[in-house]
Structure formats: C-alpha cells, structure tokens
Amino acid sequence: MKDTAEGILVATETYDESEPVNLGSGVEISIEELVETIADLTGFKGNIEWDTSKPDGQPRRRLDTSRAKERFGREATTGFNDGLRKAIEWYKQKRD
C-alpha cells in the first residue's frame, strides 16, 4: 500500500500524459495461488471451493509496470507477499 500511495503521489506531481500507468509488484500470480496466500496470511482454516459453473475468467494476473518505471522512476520496493500481509494487517486494525 505504501508503494502504491507513493507512486500515486509521484505520478500526480510529475506525470502529464494520457496513457494509463499500472502501479504494482509486476509479479505474476495465479488466482488460485493468490487465494491460497490470502487464506494462509489470514489464518483461514475452511475449505476453498471453486464454482466451476462460472466462466474461467483470467487464470493469472500480472501488471505491466514498465511505464511507471520509464516515465517517473517508480517500481515496487515491497515484495508481493509482504505487501499483502501488511494490507491484511491494516484491514484487521481498521475493522476492529
């Protein structure tokens, strides 16, 4: 979240183009791996069930963050799992 907030701040101060810019880790991850990681980080002990009657959608995600690096020198400094863990901790604090 900190990387994203800093990226947004730098972009608003320095980026004056119309092309969209992705801010993120640039790490490719499967949706299944993401769900399992969230379950692990949150301590979820239940069963994860996939609704196979729904369209498959995009099985993997990876943002192309090269424009942020090229145009205003931003790239993530926080690892994906660490950032996800911090976001979950922040959410739990705010929820309580």
PDB file of N, CA and C in Angstrom:
ATOM      1  N   MET A   1       0.821  -1.183   0.000  1.00  0.00           N
ATOM      2  CA  MET A   1       0.000   0.000   0.000  1.00  0.00           C
ATOM      3  C   MET A   1       0.870   1.253   0.000  1.00  0.00           C
ATOM      4  N   LYS A   2       1.976   1.191   0.727  1.00  0.00           N
ATOM      5  CA  LYS A   2       2.868   2.350   0.781  1.00  0.00           C
ATOM      6  C   LYS A   2       3.461   2.624  -0.594  1.00  0.00           C
ATOM      7  N   ASP A   3       3.910   1.558  -1.285  1.00  0.00           N
ATOM      8  CA  ASP A   3       4.453   1.728  -2.638  1.00  0.00           C
ATOM      9  C   ASP A   3       3.425   2.377  -3.554  1.00  0.00           C
ATOM     10  N   THR A   4       2.191   1.927  -3.471  1.00  0.00           N
ATOM     11  CA  THR A   4       1.140   2.463  -4.328  1.00  0.00           C
ATOM     12  C   THR A   4       0.859   3.921  -3.997  1.00  0.00           C
ATOM     13  N   ALA A   5       0.752   4.226  -2.716  1.00  0.00           N
ATOM     14  CA  ALA A   5       0.499   5.614  -2.305  1.00  0.00           C
ATOM     15  C   ALA A   5       1.624   6.526  -2.781  1.00  0.00           C
ATOM     16  N   GLU A   6       2.862   6.096  -2.621  1.00  0.00           N
ATOM     17  CA  GLU A   6       3.986   6.906  -3.079  1.00  0.00           C
ATOM     18  C   GLU A   6       3.969   7.045  -4.598  1.00  0.00           C
ATOM     19  N   GLY A   7       3.625   5.957  -5.294  1.00  0.00           N
ATOM     20  CA  GLY A   7       3.549   6.003  -6.754  1.00  0.00           C
ATOM     21  C   GLY A   7       2.486   6.969  -7.239  1.00  0.00           C
ATOM     22  N   ILE A   8       1.337   6.967  -6.578  1.00  0.00           N
ATOM     23  CA  ILE A   8       0.264   7.892  -6.945  1.00  0.00           C
ATOM     24  C   ILE A   8       0.709   9.334  -6.712  1.00  0.00           C
ATOM     25  N   LEU A   9       1.362   9.566  -5.603  1.00  0.00           N
ATOM     26  CA  LEU A   9       1.842  10.921  -5.293  1.00  0.00           C
ATOM     27  C   LEU A   9       2.832  11.399  -6.348  1.00  0.00           C
ATOM     28  N   VAL A  10       3.818  10.570  -6.673  1.00  0.00           N
ATOM     29  CA  VAL A  10       4.815  10.944  -7.679  1.00  0.00           C
ATOM     30  C   VAL A  10       4.140  11.160  -9.035  1.00  0.00           C
ATOM     31  N   ALA A  11       3.202  10.293  -9.383  1.00  0.00           N
ATOM     32  CA  ALA A  11       2.514  10.420 -10.666  1.00  0.00           C
ATOM     33  C   ALA A  11       1.740  11.723 -10.749  1.00  0.00           C
ATOM     34  N   THR A  12       1.060  12.101  -9.686  1.00  0.00           N
ATOM     35  CA  THR A  12       0.280  13.350  -9.725  1.00  0.00           C
ATOM     36  C   THR A  12       1.180  14.573  -9.824  1.00  0.00           C
ATOM     37  N   GLU A  13       2.389  14.442  -9.316  1.00  0.00           N
ATOM     38  CA  GLU A  13       3.318  15.570  -9.355  1.00  0.00           C
ATOM     39  C   GLU A  13       4.098  15.654 -10.661  1.00  0.00           C
ATOM     40  N   THR A  14       4.313  14.505 -11.337  1.00  0.00           N
ATOM     41  CA  THR A  14       5.237  14.508 -12.474  1.00  0.00           C
ATOM     42  C   THR A  14       4.683  13.959 -13.778  1.00  0.00           C
ATOM     43  N   TYR A  15       3.612  13.196 -13.756  1.00  0.00           N
ATOM     44  CA  TYR A  15       3.122  12.526 -14.963  1.00  0.00           C
ATOM     45  C   TYR A  15       1.994  13.330 -15.581  1.00  0.00           C
ATOM     46  N   ASP A  16       2.186  13.764 -16.829  1.00  0.00           N
ATOM     47  CA  ASP A  16       1.190  14.589 -17.504  1.00  0.00           C
ATOM     48  C   ASP A  16       0.912  14.020 -18.894  1.00  0.00           C
ATOM     49  N   GLU A  17       0.596  12.732 -18.946  1.00  0.00           N
ATOM     50  CA  GLU A  17       0.295  12.065 -20.208  1.00  0.00           C
ATOM     51  C   GLU A  17      -1.051  11.365 -20.082  1.00  0.00           C
ATOM     52  N   SER A  18      -1.592  10.918 -21.208  1.00  0.00           N
ATOM     53  CA  SER A  18      -2.917  10.307 -21.189  1.00  0.00           C
ATOM     54  C   SER A  18      -2.888   8.780 -21.057  1.00  0.00           C
ATOM     55  N   GLU A  19      -1.746   8.159 -21.289  1.00  0.00           N
ATOM     56  CA  GLU A  19      -1.697   6.704 -21.203  1.00  0.00           C
ATOM     57  C   GLU A  19      -1.802   6.249 -19.749  1.00  0.00           C
ATOM     58  N   PRO A  20      -2.566   5.166 -19.512  1.00  0.00           N
ATOM     59  CA  PRO A  20      -2.672   4.653 -18.135  1.00  0.00           C
ATOM     60  C   PRO A  20      -1.345   4.090 -17.655  1.00  0.00           C
ATOM     61  N   VAL A  21      -1.162   4.112 -16.347  1.00  0.00           N
ATOM     62  CA  VAL A  21       0.053   3.610 -15.723  1.00  0.00           C
ATOM     63  C   VAL A  21      -0.346   2.616 -14.639  1.00  0.00           C
ATOM     64  N   ASN A  22       0.240   1.441 -14.679  1.00  0.00           N
ATOM     65  CA  ASN A  22      -0.019   0.436 -13.652  1.00  0.00           C
ATOM     66  C   ASN A  22       1.001   0.568 -12.530  1.00  0.00           C
ATOM     67  N   LEU A  23       0.516   0.560 -11.313  1.00  0.00           N
ATOM     68  CA  LEU A  23       1.375   0.519 -10.138  1.00  0.00           C
ATOM     69  C   LEU A  23       1.154  -0.825  -9.466  1.00  0.00           C
ATOM     70  N   GLY A  24       2.200  -1.555  -9.236  1.00  0.00           N
ATOM     71  CA  GLY A  24       2.073  -2.869  -8.614  1.00  0.00           C
ATOM     72  C   GLY A  24       3.422  -3.536  -8.524  1.00  0.00           C
ATOM     73  N   SER A  25       3.386  -4.795  -8.116  1.00  0.00           N
ATOM     74  CA  SER A  25       4.628  -5.529  -7.906  1.00  0.00           C
ATOM     75  C   SER A  25       5.243  -6.025  -9.207  1.00  0.00           C
ATOM     76  N   GLY A  26       4.423  -6.163 -10.248  1.00  0.00           N
ATOM     77  CA  GLY A  26       4.928  -6.723 -11.501  1.00  0.00           C
ATOM     78  C   GLY A  26       5.125  -8.222 -11.431  1.00  0.00           C
ATOM     79  N   VAL A  27       4.687  -8.835 -10.335  1.00  0.00           N
ATOM     80  CA  VAL A  27       4.831 -10.284 -10.137  1.00  0.00           C
ATOM     81  C   VAL A  27       3.602 -10.981 -10.699  1.00  0.00           C
ATOM     82  N   GLU A  28       3.814 -12.031 -11.492  1.00  0.00           N
ATOM     83  CA  GLU A  28       2.691 -12.807 -11.995  1.00  0.00           C
ATOM     84  C   GLU A  28       2.271 -13.811 -10.934  1.00  0.00           C
ATOM     85  N   ILE A  29       0.966 -13.935 -10.750  1.00  0.00           N
ATOM     86  CA  ILE A  29       0.450 -14.859  -9.745  1.00  0.00           C
ATOM     87  C   ILE A  29      -0.860 -15.443 -10.259  1.00  0.00           C
ATOM     88  N   SER A  30      -1.057 -16.724 -10.005  1.00  0.00           N
ATOM     89  CA  SER A  30      -2.332 -17.327 -10.390  1.00  0.00           C
ATOM     90  C   SER A  30      -3.388 -16.913  -9.373  1.00  0.00           C
ATOM     91  N   ILE A  31      -4.629 -16.911  -9.814  1.00  0.00           N
ATOM     92  CA  ILE A  31      -5.731 -16.564  -8.917  1.00  0.00           C
ATOM     93  C   ILE A  31      -5.789 -17.590  -7.787  1.00  0.00           C
ATOM     94  N   GLU A  32      -5.561 -18.849  -8.094  1.00  0.00           N
ATOM     95  CA  GLU A  32      -5.557 -19.896  -7.062  1.00  0.00           C
ATOM     96  C   GLU A  32      -4.459 -19.640  -6.032  1.00  0.00           C
ATOM     97  N   GLU A  33      -3.269 -19.293  -6.505  1.00  0.00           N
ATOM     98  CA  GLU A  33      -2.164 -19.008  -5.583  1.00  0.00           C
ATOM     99  C   GLU A  33      -2.471 -17.791  -4.716  1.00  0.00           C
ATOM    100  N   LEU A  34      -3.093 -16.774  -5.309  1.00  0.00           N
ATOM    101  CA  LEU A  34      -3.463 -15.579  -4.552  1.00  0.00           C
ATOM    102  C   LEU A  34      -4.457 -15.932  -3.447  1.00  0.00           C
ATOM    103  N   VAL A  35      -5.482 -16.708  -3.782  1.00  0.00           N
ATOM    104  CA  VAL A  35      -6.486 -17.106  -2.796  1.00  0.00           C
ATOM    105  C   VAL A  35      -5.839 -17.912  -1.676  1.00  0.00           C
ATOM    106  N   GLU A  36      -4.972 -18.845  -2.032  1.00  0.00           N
ATOM    107  CA  GLU A  36      -4.295 -19.665  -1.017  1.00  0.00           C
ATOM    108  C   GLU A  36      -3.386 -18.819  -0.132  1.00  0.00           C
ATOM    109  N   THR A  37      -2.721 -17.843  -0.716  1.00  0.00           N
ATOM    110  CA  THR A  37      -1.849 -16.952   0.065  1.00  0.00           C
ATOM    111  C   THR A  37      -2.674 -16.113   1.034  1.00  0.00           C
ATOM    112  N   ILE A  38      -3.783 -15.566   0.561  1.00  0.00           N
ATOM    113  CA  ILE A  38      -4.659 -14.790   1.446  1.00  0.00           C
ATOM    114  C   ILE A  38      -5.189 -15.670   2.565  1.00  0.00           C
ATOM    115  N   ALA A  39      -5.607 -16.879   2.240  1.00  0.00           N
ATOM    116  CA  ALA A  39      -6.105 -17.803   3.264  1.00  0.00           C
ATOM    117  C   ALA A  39      -5.024 -18.070   4.307  1.00  0.00           C
ATOM    118  N   ASP A  40      -3.814 -18.292   3.856  1.00  0.00           N
ATOM    119  CA  ASP A  40      -2.699 -18.565   4.773  1.00  0.00           C
ATOM    120  C   ASP A  40      -2.411 -17.343   5.656  1.00  0.00           C
ATOM    121  N   LEU A  41      -2.331 -16.171   5.054  1.00  0.00           N
ATOM    122  CA  LEU A  41      -1.999 -14.965   5.805  1.00  0.00           C
ATOM    123  C   LEU A  41      -3.099 -14.532   6.774  1.00  0.00           C
ATOM    124  N   THR A  42      -4.333 -14.919   6.487  1.00  0.00           N
ATOM    125  CA  THR A  42      -5.449 -14.558   7.372  1.00  0.00           C
ATOM    126  C   THR A  42      -5.779 -15.648   8.378  1.00  0.00           C
ATOM    127  N   GLY A  43      -5.117 -16.806   8.242  1.00  0.00           N
ATOM    128  CA  GLY A  43      -5.393 -17.909   9.158  1.00  0.00           C
ATOM    129  C   GLY A  43      -6.681 -18.645   8.840  1.00  0.00           C
ATOM    130  N   PHE A  44      -7.177 -18.521   7.619  1.00  0.00           N
ATOM    131  CA  PHE A  44      -8.400 -19.201   7.212  1.00  0.00           C
ATOM    132  C   PHE A  44      -8.176 -20.705   7.214  1.00  0.00           C
ATOM    133  N   LYS A  45      -9.024 -21.435   7.915  1.00  0.00           N
ATOM    134  CA  LYS A  45      -8.873 -22.888   8.032  1.00  0.00           C
ATOM    135  C   LYS A  45      -9.967 -23.663   7.307  1.00  0.00           C
ATOM    136  N   GLY A  46     -10.904 -22.968   6.698  1.00  0.00           N
ATOM    137  CA  GLY A  46     -12.004 -23.626   5.998  1.00  0.00           C
ATOM    138  C   GLY A  46     -11.563 -24.173   4.649  1.00  0.00           C
ATOM    139  N   ASN A  47     -12.526 -24.676   3.922  1.00  0.00           N
ATOM    140  CA  ASN A  47     -12.269 -25.198   2.581  1.00  0.00           C
ATOM    141  C   ASN A  47     -12.497 -24.095   1.556  1.00  0.00           C
ATOM    142  N   ILE A  48     -11.651 -24.047   0.575  1.00  0.00           N
ATOM    143  CA  ILE A  48     -11.820 -23.115  -0.536  1.00  0.00           C
ATOM    144  C   ILE A  48     -12.529 -23.892  -1.626  1.00  0.00           C
ATOM    145  N   GLU A  49     -13.677 -23.378  -2.042  1.00  0.00           N
ATOM    146  CA  GLU A  49     -14.456 -24.051  -3.078  1.00  0.00           C
ATOM    147  C   GLU A  49     -14.532 -23.158  -4.307  1.00  0.00           C
ATOM    148  N   TRP A  50     -14.264 -23.743  -5.452  1.00  0.00           N
ATOM    149  CA  TRP A  50     -14.304 -23.020  -6.719  1.00  0.00           C
ATOM    150  C   TRP A  50     -15.610 -23.347  -7.418  1.00  0.00           C
ATOM    151  N   ASP A  51     -16.307 -22.344  -7.875  1.00  0.00           N
ATOM    152  CA  ASP A  51     -17.564 -22.540  -8.589  1.00  0.00           C
ATOM    153  C   ASP A  51     -17.237 -22.793 -10.058  1.00  0.00           C
ATOM    154  N   THR A  52     -17.188 -24.058 -10.436  1.00  0.00           N
ATOM    155  CA  THR A  52     -16.786 -24.433 -11.794  1.00  0.00           C
ATOM    156  C   THR A  52     -17.874 -24.150 -12.825  1.00  0.00           C
ATOM    157  N   SER A  53     -19.071 -23.735 -12.371  1.00  0.00           N
ATOM    158  CA  SER A  53     -20.128 -23.392 -13.324  1.00  0.00           C
ATOM    159  C   SER A  53     -19.953 -21.981 -13.872  1.00  0.00           C
ATOM    160  N   LYS A  54     -19.075 -21.202 -13.256  1.00  0.00           N
ATOM    161  CA  LYS A  54     -18.832 -19.824 -13.697  1.00  0.00           C
ATOM    162  C   LYS A  54     -17.736 -19.810 -14.759  1.00  0.00           C
ATOM    163  N   PRO A  55     -17.734 -18.789 -15.590  1.00  0.00           N
ATOM    164  CA  PRO A  55     -16.656 -18.684 -16.585  1.00  0.00           C
ATOM    165  C   PRO A  55     -15.288 -18.679 -15.901  1.00  0.00           C
ATOM    166  N   ASP A  56     -14.308 -19.187 -16.604  1.00  0.00           N
ATOM    167  CA  ASP A  56     -12.961 -19.277 -16.041  1.00  0.00           C
ATOM    168  C   ASP A  56     -12.341 -17.920 -15.761  1.00  0.00           C
ATOM    169  N   GLY A  57     -12.626 -16.955 -16.593  1.00  0.00           N
ATOM    170  CA  GLY A  57     -12.008 -15.645 -16.393  1.00  0.00           C
ATOM    171  C   GLY A  57     -10.517 -15.711 -16.665  1.00  0.00           C
ATOM    172  N   GLN A  58      -9.803 -14.817 -16.080  1.00  0.00           N
ATOM    173  CA  GLN A  58      -8.359 -14.744 -16.280  1.00  0.00           C
ATOM    174  C   GLN A  58      -7.684 -15.570 -15.190  1.00  0.00           C
ATOM    175  N   PRO A  59      -6.998 -16.660 -15.554  1.00  0.00           N
ATOM    176  CA  PRO A  59      -6.419 -17.534 -14.527  1.00  0.00           C
ATOM    177  C   PRO A  59      -5.181 -16.959 -13.829  1.00  0.00           C
ATOM    178  N   ARG A  60      -4.539 -15.986 -14.442  1.00  0.00           N
ATOM    179  CA  ARG A  60      -3.338 -15.391 -13.862  1.00  0.00           C
ATOM    180  C   ARG A  60      -3.401 -13.880 -14.042  1.00  0.00           C
ATOM    181  N   ARG A  61      -2.708 -13.187 -13.152  1.00  0.00           N
ATOM    182  CA  ARG A  61      -2.637 -11.730 -13.252  1.00  0.00           C
ATOM    183  C   ARG A  61      -1.193 -11.284 -13.143  1.00  0.00           C
ATOM    184  N   ARG A  62      -0.850 -10.305 -13.954  1.00  0.00           N
ATOM    185  CA  ARG A  62       0.455  -9.648 -13.844  1.00  0.00           C
ATOM    186  C   ARG A  62       0.334  -8.279 -14.497  1.00  0.00           C
ATOM    187  N   LEU A  63       0.556  -7.251 -13.723  1.00  0.00           N
ATOM    188  CA  LEU A  63       0.514  -5.897 -14.261  1.00  0.00           C
ATOM    189  C   LEU A  63       1.832  -5.563 -14.945  1.00  0.00           C
ATOM    190  N   ASP A  64       1.732  -4.914 -16.081  1.00  0.00           N
ATOM    191  CA  ASP A  64       2.925  -4.387 -16.733  1.00  0.00           C
ATOM    192  C   ASP A  64       3.198  -3.020 -16.106  1.00  0.00           C
ATOM    193  N   THR A  65       4.197  -2.974 -15.263  1.00  0.00           N
ATOM    194  CA  THR A  65       4.511  -1.749 -14.527  1.00  0.00           C
ATOM    195  C   THR A  65       5.663  -0.963 -15.161  1.00  0.00           C
ATOM    196  N   SER A  66       6.046  -1.337 -16.380  1.00  0.00           N
ATOM    197  CA  SER A  66       7.214  -0.710 -17.011  1.00  0.00           C
ATOM    198  C   SER A  66       7.014   0.786 -17.269  1.00  0.00           C
ATOM    199  N   ARG A  67       5.782   1.210 -17.576  1.00  0.00           N
ATOM    200  CA  ARG A  67       5.560   2.634 -17.859  1.00  0.00           C
ATOM    201  C   ARG A  67       5.841   3.488 -16.623  1.00  0.00           C
ATOM    202  N   ALA A  68       5.465   3.002 -15.440  1.00  0.00           N
ATOM    203  CA  ALA A  68       5.731   3.760 -14.206  1.00  0.00           C
ATOM    204  C   ALA A  68       7.234   3.928 -14.005  1.00  0.00           C
ATOM    205  N   LYS A  69       7.975   2.878 -14.293  1.00  0.00           N
ATOM    206  CA  LYS A  69       9.430   2.955 -14.134  1.00  0.00           C
ATOM    207  C   LYS A  69      10.043   3.891 -15.179  1.00  0.00           C
ATOM    208  N   GLU A  70       9.583   3.750 -16.424  1.00  0.00           N
ATOM    209  CA  GLU A  70      10.144   4.557 -17.507  1.00  0.00           C
ATOM    210  C   GLU A  70       9.794   6.038 -17.388  1.00  0.00           C
ATOM    211  N   ARG A  71       8.548   6.345 -17.027  1.00  0.00           N
ATOM    212  CA  ARG A  71       8.079   7.725 -17.087  1.00  0.00           C
ATOM    213  C   ARG A  71       8.337   8.524 -15.819  1.00  0.00           C
ATOM    214  N   PHE A  72       8.296   7.845 -14.650  1.00  0.00           N
ATOM    215  CA  PHE A  72       8.574   8.608 -13.434  1.00  0.00           C
ATOM    216  C   PHE A  72       9.330   7.823 -12.378  1.00  0.00           C
ATOM    217  N   GLY A  73      10.096   6.813 -12.822  1.00  0.00           N
ATOM    218  CA  GLY A  73      11.059   6.142 -11.955  1.00  0.00           C
ATOM    219  C   GLY A  73      10.502   5.345 -10.794  1.00  0.00           C
ATOM    220  N   ARG A  74       9.267   4.847 -10.923  1.00  0.00           N
ATOM    221  CA  ARG A  74       8.661   4.113  -9.805  1.00  0.00           C
ATOM    222  C   ARG A  74       8.637   2.623 -10.079  1.00  0.00           C
ATOM    223  N   GLU A  75       9.070   1.875  -9.091  1.00  0.00           N
ATOM    224  CA  GLU A  75       8.880   0.429  -9.097  1.00  0.00           C
ATOM    225  C   GLU A  75       8.722  -0.017  -7.649  1.00  0.00           C
ATOM    226  N   ALA A  76       8.029  -1.110  -7.469  1.00  0.00           N
ATOM    227  CA  ALA A  76       7.730  -1.582  -6.117  1.00  0.00           C
ATOM    228  C   ALA A  76       9.016  -1.916  -5.365  1.00  0.00           C
ATOM    229  N   THR A  77       9.031  -1.547  -4.100  1.00  0.00           N
ATOM    230  CA  THR A  77      10.157  -1.904  -3.239  1.00  0.00           C
ATOM    231  C   THR A  77       9.738  -2.932  -2.195  1.00  0.00           C
ATOM    232  N   THR A  78       8.437  -3.153  -2.087  1.00  0.00           N
ATOM    233  CA  THR A  78       7.904  -4.131  -1.143  1.00  0.00           C
ATOM    234  C   THR A  78       7.544  -5.388  -1.907  1.00  0.00           C
ATOM    235  N   GLY A  79       7.966  -6.543  -1.414  1.00  0.00           N
ATOM    236  CA  GLY A  79       7.627  -7.810  -2.047  1.00  0.00           C
ATOM    237  C   GLY A  79       6.122  -8.057  -2.003  1.00  0.00           C
ATOM    238  N   PHE A  80       5.628  -8.845  -2.937  1.00  0.00           N
ATOM    239  CA  PHE A  80       4.191  -9.079  -3.044  1.00  0.00           C
ATOM    240  C   PHE A  80       3.601  -9.638  -1.749  1.00  0.00           C
ATOM    241  N   ASN A  81       4.171 -10.726  -1.245  1.00  0.00           N
ATOM    242  CA  ASN A  81       3.619 -11.341  -0.026  1.00  0.00           C
ATOM    243  C   ASN A  81       3.716 -10.410   1.173  1.00  0.00           C
ATOM    244  N   ASP A  82       4.811  -9.676   1.281  1.00  0.00           N
ATOM    245  CA  ASP A  82       4.962  -8.737   2.393  1.00  0.00           C
ATOM    246  C   ASP A  82       3.927  -7.622   2.293  1.00  0.00           C
ATOM    247  N   GLY A  83       3.713  -7.106   1.102  1.00  0.00           N
ATOM    248  CA  GLY A  83       2.710  -6.067   0.904  1.00  0.00           C
ATOM    249  C   GLY A  83       1.306  -6.567   1.191  1.00  0.00           C
ATOM    250  N   LEU A  84       1.026  -7.794   0.769  1.00  0.00           N
ATOM    251  CA  LEU A  84      -0.278  -8.381   1.037  1.00  0.00           C
ATOM    252  C   LEU A  84      -0.484  -8.581   2.534  1.00  0.00           C
ATOM    253  N   ARG A  85       0.545  -9.050   3.210  1.00  0.00           N
ATOM    254  CA  ARG A  85       0.474  -9.237   4.667  1.00  0.00           C
ATOM    255  C   ARG A  85       0.208  -7.904   5.366  1.00  0.00           C
ATOM    256  N   LYS A  86       0.910  -6.862   4.947  1.00  0.00           N
ATOM    257  CA  LYS A  86       0.712  -5.540   5.550  1.00  0.00           C
ATOM    258  C   LYS A  86      -0.697  -5.008   5.281  1.00  0.00           C
ATOM    259  N   ALA A  87      -1.217  -5.234   4.082  1.00  0.00           N
ATOM    260  CA  ALA A  87      -2.573  -4.787   3.752  1.00  0.00           C
ATOM    261  C   ALA A  87      -3.603  -5.513   4.614  1.00  0.00           C
ATOM    262  N   ILE A  88      -3.400  -6.798   4.840  1.00  0.00           N
ATOM    263  CA  ILE A  88      -4.314  -7.573   5.687  1.00  0.00           C
ATOM    264  C   ILE A  88      -4.242  -7.084   7.125  1.00  0.00           C
ATOM    265  N   GLU A  89      -3.037  -6.832   7.618  1.00  0.00           N
ATOM    266  CA  GLU A  89      -2.885  -6.317   8.985  1.00  0.00           C
ATOM    267  C   GLU A  89      -3.575  -4.959   9.126  1.00  0.00           C
ATOM    268  N   TRP A  90      -3.411  -4.077   8.143  1.00  0.00           N
ATOM    269  CA  TRP A  90      -4.048  -2.768   8.163  1.00  0.00           C
ATOM    270  C   TRP A  90      -5.571  -2.924   8.209  1.00  0.00           C
ATOM    271  N   TYR A  91      -6.095  -3.816   7.365  1.00  0.00           N
ATOM    272  CA  TYR A  91      -7.538  -4.038   7.323  1.00  0.00           C
ATOM    273  C   TYR A  91      -8.063  -4.539   8.676  1.00  0.00           C
ATOM    274  N   LYS A  92      -7.359  -5.484   9.255  1.00  0.00           N
ATOM    275  CA  LYS A  92      -7.784  -6.027  10.564  1.00  0.00           C
ATOM    276  C   LYS A  92      -7.799  -4.942  11.629  1.00  0.00           C
ATOM    277  N   GLN A  93      -6.809  -4.071  11.629  1.00  0.00           N
ATOM    278  CA  GLN A  93      -6.753  -2.967  12.611  1.00  0.00           C
ATOM    279  C   GLN A  93      -7.924  -2.006  12.408  1.00  0.00           C
ATOM    280  N   LYS A  94      -8.215  -1.676  11.162  1.00  0.00           N
ATOM    281  CA  LYS A  94      -9.292  -0.738  10.858  1.00  0.00           C
ATOM    282  C   LYS A  94     -10.663  -1.348  11.122  1.00  0.00           C
ATOM    283  N   ARG A  95     -10.772  -2.655  10.907  1.00  0.00           N
ATOM    284  CA  ARG A  95     -12.035  -3.351  11.122  1.00  0.00           C
ATOM    285  C   ARG A  95     -12.413  -3.379  12.587  1.00  0.00           C
ATOM    286  N   ASP A  96     -11.426  -3.556  13.447  1.00  0.00           N
ATOM    287  CA  ASP A  96     -11.661  -3.637  14.893  1.00  0.00           C
ATOM    288  C   ASP A  96     -11.896  -2.274  15.432  1.00  0.00           C
TER     289      ASP A  96
END
